[in-house]
Amino acid sequence: MDGDARNILLARLQISVSTSTFRWTECYRVNIALLDQQHQQMIDTVNELDQALRTGEGKSVVDAVLDKLVEYALVHFTAETAHAAARLPGLVHSPDAA
């Protein structure tokens, strides 16, 4: 393989490795700033794992990324539930109300 072909191949590999698999687009927007920000953070975290897997580093980051996603889920669903409860009283069941 000549130098030019090698450079083109390396450039294509670099592009494919650095490209995010999951992209935030406006279709995901719920127009609640906090929730939109959290959704974007979740996509970034999934892309972090994807990037690590693409570069052969998945094993070294998978535990940390999964921990981050579990923490995200707890924080995010608490925020969504609080938002729904504030806007739609009586719709969200509170464990304290039993």
Protein backbone atom coordinates (compact mmCIF):
# COMPACT_ATOMS: atom_id res chain seq x y z
CA MET A 1 0.00 0.00 0.00
CA ASP A 2 1.47 3.34 -1.01
CA GLY A 3 1.71 6.29 1.40
CA ASP A 4 -1.30 8.18 -0.03
CA ALA A 5 -3.60 5.15 0.18
CA ARG A 6 -2.42 4.46 3.72
CA ASN A 7 -3.08 8.08 4.77
CA ILE A 8 -6.58 7.98 3.25
CA LEU A 9 -7.34 4.71 5.04
CA LEU A 10 -6.04 6.08 8.34
CA ALA A 11 -8.10 9.24 7.91
CA ARG A 12 -11.25 7.18 7.27
CA LEU A 13 -10.56 5.00 10.30
CA GLN A 14 -10.03 8.08 12.46
CA ILE A 15 -13.28 9.60 11.24
CA SER A 16 -15.23 6.42 11.95
CA VAL A 17 -13.72 6.11 15.43
CA SER A 18 -14.29 9.73 16.41
CA THR A 19 -17.85 9.94 15.06
CA SER A 20 -20.59 9.62 17.65
CA THR A 21 -22.93 6.73 17.07
CA PHE A 22 -25.80 8.43 18.85
CA ARG A 23 -26.47 12.07 18.13
CA TRP A 24 -28.70 14.50 19.97
CA THR A 25 -31.21 16.02 17.59
CA GLU A 26 -34.08 18.41 18.14
CA CYS A 27 -36.57 15.54 17.78
CA TYR A 28 -35.51 14.38 21.27
CA ARG A 29 -36.22 17.76 22.85
CA VAL A 30 -39.01 17.83 25.43
CA ASN A 31 -38.66 21.61 25.96
CA ILE A 32 -37.84 21.27 29.63
CA ALA A 33 -34.28 22.56 29.97
CA LEU A 34 -33.20 20.29 32.83
CA LEU A 35 -34.59 17.15 31.22
CA ASP A 36 -33.18 18.02 27.80
CA GLN A 37 -29.76 18.56 29.37
CA GLN A 38 -30.00 15.22 31.16
CA HIS A 39 -31.03 13.46 27.95
CA GLN A 40 -28.00 14.96 26.20
CA GLN A 41 -25.75 13.79 29.03
CA MET A 42 -27.12 10.26 28.67
CA ILE A 43 -26.36 10.25 24.96
CA ASP A 44 -22.85 11.54 25.69
CA THR A 45 -22.33 8.73 28.21
CA VAL A 46 -23.51 6.05 25.78
CA ASN A 47 -21.18 7.54 23.16
CA GLU A 48 -18.34 7.40 25.69
CA LEU A 49 -18.82 3.65 25.97
CA ASP A 50 -19.23 3.27 22.22
CA GLN A 51 -16.00 5.20 21.61
CA ALA A 52 -14.14 3.03 24.13
CA LEU A 53 -15.45 -0.13 22.49
CA ARG A 54 -14.39 1.12 19.04
CA THR A 55 -10.85 1.79 20.23
CA GLY A 56 -10.45 -1.43 22.18
CA GLU A 57 -10.75 0.27 25.58
CA GLY A 58 -14.25 -0.97 26.41
CA LYS A 59 -13.16 -3.37 29.12
CA SER A 60 -11.36 -0.63 31.03
CA VAL A 61 -14.32 1.79 31.07
CA VAL A 62 -17.44 -0.37 31.04
CA ASP A 63 -17.86 -0.47 34.84
CA ALA A 64 -17.46 3.29 35.22
CA VAL A 65 -19.82 4.02 32.33
CA LEU A 66 -22.46 1.64 33.66
CA ASP A 67 -22.16 3.23 37.12
CA LYS A 68 -22.61 6.62 35.48
CA LEU A 69 -25.73 5.39 33.63
CA VAL A 70 -27.25 3.95 36.83
CA GLU A 71 -26.65 7.26 38.64
CA TYR A 72 -28.08 9.11 35.64
CA ALA A 73 -31.22 6.96 35.71
CA LEU A 74 -31.80 7.63 39.42
CA VAL A 75 -31.32 11.38 39.09
CA HIS A 76 -33.17 11.69 35.80
CA PHE A 77 -36.27 9.68 36.69
CA THR A 78 -36.50 11.49 40.02
CA ALA A 79 -36.45 14.79 38.12
CA GLU A 80 -39.05 13.58 35.60
CA THR A 81 -41.32 12.34 38.39
CA ALA A 82 -40.99 15.62 40.30
CA HIS A 83 -41.78 17.58 37.15
CA ALA A 84 -44.83 15.44 36.41
CA ALA A 85 -46.04 15.68 40.02
CA ALA A 86 -45.74 19.47 39.96
CA ARG A 87 -47.64 19.79 36.70
CA LEU A 88 -50.17 17.00 37.18
CA PRO A 89 -51.00 16.65 40.89
CA GLY A 90 -52.56 13.33 41.75
CA LEU A 91 -51.21 11.60 38.65
CA VAL A 92 -47.94 10.54 40.22
CA HIS A 93 -48.25 8.15 43.16
CA SER A 94 -46.02 9.06 46.07
CA PRO A 95 -44.80 6.23 48.31
CA ASP A 96 -45.34 8.57 51.26
CA ALA A 97 -49.03 8.89 50.42
CA ALA A 98 -49.82 5.24 51.17
